[in-house]
């Protein structure tokens, strides 16, 4: 069973000089084969499907649904799981 993890939304002023993953497609920005999926902290859209996102360092995921900026956790201990 895939663990669903809510990402932390950050203000646009905090994204300068950082890598931003974004798309206009209504699909996950990153896909893999792990057992964790990460959702937008604002609207719940799946941004990273079946990946361990803390392996991606210092990136921002821009939600294609609501356009909010979501920060990937720095390590596994900073994850916030949802009981869905």
PDB file of N, CA and C in Angstrom:
ATOM      1  N   UNK A   1       0.837  -1.170   0.000  1.00  0.00           N
ATOM      2  CA  UNK A   1       0.000   0.000   0.000  1.00  0.00           C
ATOM      3  C   UNK A   1       0.889   1.243   0.000  1.00  0.00           C
ATOM      4  N   UNK A   2       0.560   2.196  -0.844  1.00  0.00           N
ATOM      5  CA  UNK A   2       1.342   3.415  -0.979  1.00  0.00           C
ATOM      6  C   UNK A   2       1.043   4.376   0.156  1.00  0.00           C
ATOM      7  N   UNK A   3       2.097   4.911   0.767  1.00  0.00           N
ATOM      8  CA  UNK A   3       1.953   5.928   1.802  1.00  0.00           C
ATOM      9  C   UNK A   3       1.775   7.281   1.110  1.00  0.00           C
ATOM     10  N   UNK A   4       0.759   8.060   1.541  1.00  0.00           N
ATOM     11  CA  UNK A   4       0.497   9.384   0.979  1.00  0.00           C
ATOM     12  C   UNK A   4       1.066  10.429   1.936  1.00  0.00           C
ATOM     13  N   UNK A   5       1.896  11.321   1.405  1.00  0.00           N
ATOM     14  CA  UNK A   5       2.566  12.330   2.220  1.00  0.00           C
ATOM     15  C   UNK A   5       2.256  13.723   1.691  1.00  0.00           C
ATOM     16  N   UNK A   6       1.810  14.592   2.584  1.00  0.00           N
ATOM     17  CA  UNK A   6       1.471  15.970   2.236  1.00  0.00           C
ATOM     18  C   UNK A   6       2.733  16.835   2.302  1.00  0.00           C
ATOM     19  N   UNK A   7       3.029  17.555   1.218  1.00  0.00           N
ATOM     20  CA  UNK A   7       4.201  18.422   1.171  1.00  0.00           C
ATOM     21  C   UNK A   7       3.912  19.781   1.803  1.00  0.00           C
ATOM     22  N   UNK A   8       4.959  20.499   2.105  1.00  0.00           N
ATOM     23  CA  UNK A   8       4.871  21.811   2.746  1.00  0.00           C
ATOM     24  C   UNK A   8       4.822  22.905   1.685  1.00  0.00           C
ATOM     25  N   UNK A   9       3.777  23.728   1.714  1.00  0.00           N
ATOM     26  CA  UNK A   9       3.648  24.841   0.775  1.00  0.00           C
ATOM     27  C   UNK A   9       4.506  26.003   1.252  1.00  0.00           C
ATOM     28  N   UNK A  10       5.230  26.621   0.317  1.00  0.00           N
ATOM     29  CA  UNK A  10       6.070  27.767   0.657  1.00  0.00           C
ATOM     30  C   UNK A  10       5.673  28.973  -0.201  1.00  0.00           C
ATOM     31  N   UNK A  11       5.961  30.182   0.276  1.00  0.00           N
ATOM     32  CA  UNK A  11       5.619  31.375  -0.504  1.00  0.00           C
ATOM     33  C   UNK A  11       6.536  31.530  -1.718  1.00  0.00           C
ATOM     34  N   UNK A  12       6.050  32.201  -2.774  1.00  0.00           N
ATOM     35  CA  UNK A  12       6.874  32.410  -3.976  1.00  0.00           C
ATOM     36  C   UNK A  12       8.217  33.089  -3.685  1.00  0.00           C
ATOM     37  N   UNK A  13       8.287  33.887  -2.660  1.00  0.00           N
ATOM     38  CA  UNK A  13       9.546  34.574  -2.337  1.00  0.00           C
ATOM     39  C   UNK A  13      10.640  33.600  -1.902  1.00  0.00           C
ATOM     40  N   UNK A  14      10.278  32.382  -1.527  1.00  0.00           N
ATOM     41  CA  UNK A  14      11.267  31.394  -1.079  1.00  0.00           C
ATOM     42  C   UNK A  14      11.766  30.468  -2.181  1.00  0.00           C
ATOM     43  N   UNK A  15      11.377  30.703  -3.431  1.00  0.00           N
ATOM     44  CA  UNK A  15      11.781  29.793  -4.509  1.00  0.00           C
ATOM     45  C   UNK A  15      12.936  30.322  -5.352  1.00  0.00           C
ATOM     46  N   UNK A  16      13.376  31.543  -5.095  1.00  0.00           N
ATOM     47  CA  UNK A  16      14.473  32.116  -5.884  1.00  0.00           C
ATOM     48  C   UNK A  16      15.728  31.259  -5.785  1.00  0.00           C
ATOM     49  N   UNK A  17      16.385  31.085  -6.899  1.00  0.00           N
ATOM     50  CA  UNK A  17      17.649  30.356  -7.007  1.00  0.00           C
ATOM     51  C   UNK A  17      17.531  28.893  -6.614  1.00  0.00           C
ATOM     52  N   UNK A  18      16.351  28.319  -6.777  1.00  0.00           N
ATOM     53  CA  UNK A  18      16.153  26.903  -6.509  1.00  0.00           C
ATOM     54  C   UNK A  18      15.581  26.243  -7.758  1.00  0.00           C
ATOM     55  N   UNK A  19      15.747  24.952  -7.861  1.00  0.00           N
ATOM     56  CA  UNK A  19      15.228  24.207  -9.001  1.00  0.00           C
ATOM     57  C   UNK A  19      13.730  24.000  -8.807  1.00  0.00           C
ATOM     58  N   UNK A  20      12.951  24.348  -9.838  1.00  0.00           N
ATOM     59  CA  UNK A  20      11.497  24.199  -9.777  1.00  0.00           C
ATOM     60  C   UNK A  20      11.057  23.189 -10.833  1.00  0.00           C
ATOM     61  N   UNK A  21      10.356  22.143 -10.393  1.00  0.00           N
ATOM     62  CA  UNK A  21       9.723  21.205 -11.314  1.00  0.00           C
ATOM     63  C   UNK A  21       8.309  21.714 -11.531  1.00  0.00           C
ATOM     64  N   UNK A  22       7.923  21.916 -12.788  1.00  0.00           N
ATOM     65  CA  UNK A  22       6.554  22.354 -13.086  1.00  0.00           C
ATOM     66  C   UNK A  22       6.143  21.831 -14.450  1.00  0.00           C
ATOM     67  N   UNK A  23       4.842  21.804 -14.679  1.00  0.00           N
ATOM     68  CA  UNK A  23       4.287  21.368 -15.953  1.00  0.00           C
ATOM     69  C   UNK A  23       2.885  21.926 -16.092  1.00  0.00           C
ATOM     70  N   UNK A  24       2.410  21.975 -17.302  1.00  0.00           N
ATOM     71  CA  UNK A  24       1.017  22.370 -17.547  1.00  0.00           C
ATOM     72  C   UNK A  24       0.125  21.130 -17.607  1.00  0.00           C
ATOM     73  N   UNK A  25       0.731  19.948 -17.733  1.00  0.00           N
ATOM     74  CA  UNK A  25      -0.030  18.699 -17.767  1.00  0.00           C
ATOM     75  C   UNK A  25      -0.628  18.429 -16.394  1.00  0.00           C
ATOM     76  N   UNK A  26      -1.810  17.879 -16.371  1.00  0.00           N
ATOM     77  CA  UNK A  26      -2.452  17.509 -15.109  1.00  0.00           C
ATOM     78  C   UNK A  26      -2.048  16.086 -14.740  1.00  0.00           C
ATOM     79  N   UNK A  27      -0.745  15.922 -14.479  1.00  0.00           N
ATOM     80  CA  UNK A  27      -0.183  14.626 -14.138  1.00  0.00           C
ATOM     81  C   UNK A  27       0.941  14.851 -13.128  1.00  0.00           C
ATOM     82  N   UNK A  28       1.319  13.797 -12.431  1.00  0.00           N
ATOM     83  CA  UNK A  28       2.407  13.886 -11.459  1.00  0.00           C
ATOM     84  C   UNK A  28       3.682  14.399 -12.134  1.00  0.00           C
ATOM     85  N   UNK A  29       4.446  15.201 -11.410  1.00  0.00           N
ATOM     86  CA  UNK A  29       5.690  15.760 -11.939  1.00  0.00           C
ATOM     87  C   UNK A  29       6.811  14.720 -11.966  1.00  0.00           C
ATOM     88  N   UNK A  30       6.781  13.801 -11.012  1.00  0.00           N
ATOM     89  CA  UNK A  30       7.812  12.777 -10.887  1.00  0.00           C
ATOM     90  C   UNK A  30       7.097  11.452 -10.644  1.00  0.00           C
ATOM     91  N   UNK A  31       7.553  10.395 -11.326  1.00  0.00           N
ATOM     92  CA  UNK A  31       6.974   9.063 -11.122  1.00  0.00           C
ATOM     93  C   UNK A  31       8.084   8.052 -10.913  1.00  0.00           C
ATOM     94  N   UNK A  32       7.794   7.063 -10.089  1.00  0.00           N
ATOM     95  CA  UNK A  32       8.787   6.034  -9.821  1.00  0.00           C
ATOM     96  C   UNK A  32       8.125   4.721  -9.447  1.00  0.00           C
ATOM     97  N   UNK A  33       8.838   3.892  -8.684  1.00  0.00           N
ATOM     98  CA  UNK A  33       8.355   2.567  -8.319  1.00  0.00           C
ATOM     99  C   UNK A  33       8.383   2.315  -6.809  1.00  0.00           C
ATOM    100  N   UNK A  34       8.592   3.351  -6.009  1.00  0.00           N
ATOM    101  CA  UNK A  34       8.636   3.201  -4.551  1.00  0.00           C
ATOM    102  C   UNK A  34       7.221   3.153  -3.980  1.00  0.00           C
ATOM    103  N   UNK A  35       7.088   3.162  -2.670  1.00  0.00           N
ATOM    104  CA  UNK A  35       5.783   3.058  -2.019  1.00  0.00           C
ATOM    105  C   UNK A  35       5.387   4.334  -1.292  1.00  0.00           C
ATOM    106  N   UNK A  36       5.808   5.484  -1.796  1.00  0.00           N
ATOM    107  CA  UNK A  36       5.406   6.770  -1.231  1.00  0.00           C
ATOM    108  C   UNK A  36       4.946   7.682  -2.355  1.00  0.00           C
ATOM    109  N   UNK A  37       3.823   8.357  -2.144  1.00  0.00           N
ATOM    110  CA  UNK A  37       3.371   9.383  -3.074  1.00  0.00           C
ATOM    111  C   UNK A  37       3.200  10.671  -2.291  1.00  0.00           C
ATOM    112  N   UNK A  38       3.488  11.793  -2.943  1.00  0.00           N
ATOM    113  CA  UNK A  38       3.497  13.093  -2.268  1.00  0.00           C
ATOM    114  C   UNK A  38       2.493  14.020  -2.935  1.00  0.00           C
ATOM    115  N   UNK A  39       1.665  14.660  -2.096  1.00  0.00           N
ATOM    116  CA  UNK A  39       0.591  15.506  -2.608  1.00  0.00           C
ATOM    117  C   UNK A  39       0.839  16.972  -2.253  1.00  0.00           C
ATOM    118  N   UNK A  40       0.246  17.853  -3.054  1.00  0.00           N
ATOM    119  CA  UNK A  40       0.313  19.288  -2.820  1.00  0.00           C
ATOM    120  C   UNK A  40      -0.249  19.598  -1.440  1.00  0.00           C
ATOM    121  N   UNK A  41       0.471  20.429  -0.698  1.00  0.00           N
ATOM    122  CA  UNK A  41       0.025  20.821   0.630  1.00  0.00           C
ATOM    123  C   UNK A  41      -1.161  21.750   0.617  1.00  0.00           C
ATOM    124  N   UNK A  42      -1.504  22.271  -0.539  1.00  0.00           N
ATOM    125  CA  UNK A  42      -2.633  23.192  -0.664  1.00  0.00           C
ATOM    126  C   UNK A  42      -3.898  22.483  -1.152  1.00  0.00           C
ATOM    127  N   UNK A  43      -3.813  21.781  -2.283  1.00  0.00           N
ATOM    128  CA  UNK A  43      -5.028  21.216  -2.885  1.00  0.00           C
ATOM    129  C   UNK A  43      -5.075  19.681  -2.898  1.00  0.00           C
ATOM    130  N   UNK A  44      -3.975  19.011  -2.547  1.00  0.00           N
ATOM    131  CA  UNK A  44      -3.967  17.551  -2.501  1.00  0.00           C
ATOM    132  C   UNK A  44      -3.664  16.847  -3.812  1.00  0.00           C
ATOM    133  N   UNK A  45      -3.317  17.590  -4.864  1.00  0.00           N
ATOM    134  CA  UNK A  45      -2.968  17.013  -6.163  1.00  0.00           C
ATOM    135  C   UNK A  45      -1.693  16.173  -6.010  1.00  0.00           C
ATOM    136  N   UNK A  46      -1.639  14.997  -6.638  1.00  0.00           N
ATOM    137  CA  UNK A  46      -0.446  14.136  -6.559  1.00  0.00           C
ATOM    138  C   UNK A  46       0.668  14.756  -7.391  1.00  0.00           C
ATOM    139  N   UNK A  47       1.761  15.155  -6.722  1.00  0.00           N
ATOM    140  CA  UNK A  47       2.906  15.774  -7.401  1.00  0.00           C
ATOM    141  C   UNK A  47       4.021  14.781  -7.676  1.00  0.00           C
ATOM    142  N   UNK A  48       4.230  13.855  -6.784  1.00  0.00           N
ATOM    143  CA  UNK A  48       5.283  12.850  -6.932  1.00  0.00           C
ATOM    144  C   UNK A  48       4.663  11.494  -6.620  1.00  0.00           C
ATOM    145  N   UNK A  49       4.578  10.651  -7.626  1.00  0.00           N
ATOM    146  CA  UNK A  49       3.883   9.374  -7.497  1.00  0.00           C
ATOM    147  C   UNK A  49       4.878   8.232  -7.376  1.00  0.00           C
ATOM    148  N   UNK A  50       4.773   7.502  -6.283  1.00  0.00           N
ATOM    149  CA  UNK A  50       5.606   6.317  -6.036  1.00  0.00           C
ATOM    150  C   UNK A  50       7.103   6.621  -6.047  1.00  0.00           C
ATOM    151  N   UNK A  51       7.491   7.686  -5.362  1.00  0.00           N
ATOM    152  CA  UNK A  51       8.908   8.027  -5.213  1.00  0.00           C
ATOM    153  C   UNK A  51       9.201   8.386  -3.763  1.00  0.00           C
ATOM    154  N   UNK A  52      10.448   8.296  -3.381  1.00  0.00           N
ATOM    155  CA  UNK A  52      10.897   8.761  -2.069  1.00  0.00           C
ATOM    156  C   UNK A  52      11.489  10.145  -2.311  1.00  0.00           C
ATOM    157  N   UNK A  53      10.657  11.164  -2.172  1.00  0.00           N
ATOM    158  CA  UNK A  53      10.985  12.518  -2.608  1.00  0.00           C
ATOM    159  C   UNK A  53      12.156  13.136  -1.855  1.00  0.00           C
ATOM    160  N   UNK A  54      12.438  12.685  -0.637  1.00  0.00           N
ATOM    161  CA  UNK A  54      13.561  13.275   0.100  1.00  0.00           C
ATOM    162  C   UNK A  54      14.904  12.940  -0.539  1.00  0.00           C
ATOM    163  N   UNK A  55      14.913  12.047  -1.537  1.00  0.00           N
ATOM    164  CA  UNK A  55      16.130  11.798  -2.308  1.00  0.00           C
ATOM    165  C   UNK A  55      16.426  12.923  -3.301  1.00  0.00           C
ATOM    166  N   UNK A  56      15.417  13.753  -3.577  1.00  0.00           N
ATOM    167  CA  UNK A  56      15.587  14.912  -4.451  1.00  0.00           C
ATOM    168  C   UNK A  56      15.966  16.095  -3.566  1.00  0.00           C
ATOM    169  N   UNK A  57      17.138  16.618  -3.735  1.00  0.00           N
ATOM    170  CA  UNK A  57      17.641  17.664  -2.842  1.00  0.00           C
ATOM    171  C   UNK A  57      17.307  19.063  -3.342  1.00  0.00           C
ATOM    172  N   UNK A  58      16.772  19.866  -2.443  1.00  0.00           N
ATOM    173  CA  UNK A  58      16.570  21.299  -2.666  1.00  0.00           C
ATOM    174  C   UNK A  58      15.762  21.628  -3.918  1.00  0.00           C
ATOM    175  N   UNK A  59      14.673  20.887  -4.135  1.00  0.00           N
ATOM    176  CA  UNK A  59      13.819  21.182  -5.278  1.00  0.00           C
ATOM    177  C   UNK A  59      12.458  21.685  -4.805  1.00  0.00           C
ATOM    178  N   UNK A  60      11.795  22.385  -5.690  1.00  0.00           N
ATOM    179  CA  UNK A  60      10.448  22.877  -5.458  1.00  0.00           C
ATOM    180  C   UNK A  60       9.548  22.234  -6.506  1.00  0.00           C
ATOM    181  N   UNK A  61       8.399  21.743  -6.079  1.00  0.00           N
ATOM    182  CA  UNK A  61       7.418  21.184  -6.999  1.00  0.00           C
ATOM    183  C   UNK A  61       6.265  22.175  -7.114  1.00  0.00           C
ATOM    184  N   UNK A  62       6.059  22.722  -8.315  1.00  0.00           N
ATOM    185  CA  UNK A  62       4.938  23.638  -8.514  1.00  0.00           C
ATOM    186  C   UNK A  62       3.728  22.828  -8.954  1.00  0.00           C
ATOM    187  N   UNK A  63       2.660  22.960  -8.208  1.00  0.00           N
ATOM    188  CA  UNK A  63       1.455  22.192  -8.487  1.00  0.00           C
ATOM    189  C   UNK A  63       0.815  22.655  -9.797  1.00  0.00           C
ATOM    190  N   UNK A  64       0.560  21.729 -10.736  1.00  0.00           N
ATOM    191  CA  UNK A  64      -0.091  22.119 -11.986  1.00  0.00           C
ATOM    192  C   UNK A  64      -1.573  22.445 -11.799  1.00  0.00           C
ATOM    193  N   UNK A  65      -2.134  22.049 -10.673  1.00  0.00           N
ATOM    194  CA  UNK A  65      -3.546  22.284 -10.411  1.00  0.00           C
ATOM    195  C   UNK A  65      -3.800  23.669  -9.799  1.00  0.00           C
ATOM    196  N   UNK A  66      -3.108  24.007  -8.704  1.00  0.00           N
ATOM    197  CA  UNK A  66      -3.370  25.278  -8.008  1.00  0.00           C
ATOM    198  C   UNK A  66      -2.203  26.264  -8.095  1.00  0.00           C
ATOM    199  N   UNK A  67      -1.081  25.848  -8.686  1.00  0.00           N
ATOM    200  CA  UNK A  67       0.110  26.673  -8.911  1.00  0.00           C
ATOM    201  C   UNK A  67       0.889  27.010  -7.636  1.00  0.00           C
ATOM    202  N   UNK A  68       0.569  26.373  -6.513  1.00  0.00           N
ATOM    203  CA  UNK A  68       1.335  26.635  -5.289  1.00  0.00           C
ATOM    204  C   UNK A  68       2.704  25.962  -5.385  1.00  0.00           C
ATOM    205  N   UNK A  69       3.648  26.466  -4.591  1.00  0.00           N
ATOM    206  CA  UNK A  69       4.999  25.922  -4.542  1.00  0.00           C
ATOM    207  C   UNK A  69       5.115  25.000  -3.336  1.00  0.00           C
ATOM    208  N   UNK A  70       5.580  23.786  -3.578  1.00  0.00           N
ATOM    209  CA  UNK A  70       5.700  22.772  -2.532  1.00  0.00           C
ATOM    210  C   UNK A  70       7.154  22.383  -2.376  1.00  0.00           C
ATOM    211  N   UNK A  71       7.588  22.334  -1.145  1.00  0.00           N
ATOM    212  CA  UNK A  71       8.976  22.007  -0.851  1.00  0.00           C
ATOM    213  C   UNK A  71       9.106  20.531  -0.510  1.00  0.00           C
ATOM    214  N   UNK A  72      10.070  19.884  -1.121  1.00  0.00           N
ATOM    215  CA  UNK A  72      10.362  18.494  -0.787  1.00  0.00           C
ATOM    216  C   UNK A  72      11.037  18.461   0.577  1.00  0.00           C
ATOM    217  N   UNK A  73      10.705  17.490   1.417  1.00  0.00           N
ATOM    218  CA  UNK A  73      11.331  17.402   2.736  1.00  0.00           C
ATOM    219  C   UNK A  73      12.821  17.140   2.615  1.00  0.00           C
ATOM    220  N   UNK A  74      13.560  17.601   3.591  1.00  0.00           N
ATOM    221  CA  UNK A  74      15.015  17.456   3.571  1.00  0.00           C
ATOM    222  C   UNK A  74      15.449  16.023   3.888  1.00  0.00           C
ATOM    223  N   UNK A  75      14.639  15.320   4.695  1.00  0.00           N
ATOM    224  CA  UNK A  75      14.965  13.943   5.029  1.00  0.00           C
ATOM    225  C   UNK A  75      13.702  13.189   5.414  1.00  0.00           C
ATOM    226  N   UNK A  76      13.841  11.907   5.587  1.00  0.00           N
ATOM    227  CA  UNK A  76      12.701  11.034   5.876  1.00  0.00           C
ATOM    228  C   UNK A  76      12.003  11.407   7.178  1.00  0.00           C
ATOM    229  N   UNK A  77      12.721  11.955   8.141  1.00  0.00           N
ATOM    230  CA  UNK A  77      12.140  12.290   9.444  1.00  0.00           C
ATOM    231  C   UNK A  77      11.214  13.496   9.405  1.00  0.00           C
ATOM    232  N   UNK A  78      11.243  14.284   8.324  1.00  0.00           N
ATOM    233  CA  UNK A  78      10.404  15.480   8.252  1.00  0.00           C
ATOM    234  C   UNK A  78       9.128  15.257   7.429  1.00  0.00           C
ATOM    235  N   UNK A  79       8.811  13.990   7.135  1.00  0.00           N
ATOM    236  CA  UNK A  79       7.626  13.674   6.349  1.00  0.00           C
ATOM    237  C   UNK A  79       6.372  13.708   7.224  1.00  0.00           C
ATOM    238  N   UNK A  80       5.258  14.112   6.629  1.00  0.00           N
ATOM    239  CA  UNK A  80       3.978  14.140   7.319  1.00  0.00           C
ATOM    240  C   UNK A  80       3.000  13.267   6.552  1.00  0.00           C
ATOM    241  N   UNK A  81       2.743  12.068   7.082  1.00  0.00           N
ATOM    242  CA  UNK A  81       1.860  11.129   6.398  1.00  0.00           C
ATOM    243  C   UNK A  81       0.403  11.484   6.623  1.00  0.00           C
ATOM    244  N   UNK A  82      -0.410  11.152   5.628  1.00  0.00           N
ATOM    245  CA  UNK A  82      -1.857  11.319   5.724  1.00  0.00           C
ATOM    246  C   UNK A  82      -2.481   9.944   5.861  1.00  0.00           C
ATOM    247  N   UNK A  83      -3.471   9.834   6.683  1.00  0.00           N
ATOM    248  CA  UNK A  83      -4.220   8.585   6.784  1.00  0.00           C
ATOM    249  C   UNK A  83      -5.418   8.672   5.860  1.00  0.00           C
ATOM    250  N   UNK A  84      -5.262   8.130   4.666  1.00  0.00           N
ATOM    251  CA  UNK A  84      -6.341   8.194   3.663  1.00  0.00           C
ATOM    252  C   UNK A  84      -6.870   6.804   3.417  1.00  0.00           C
TER     253      UNK A  84
END
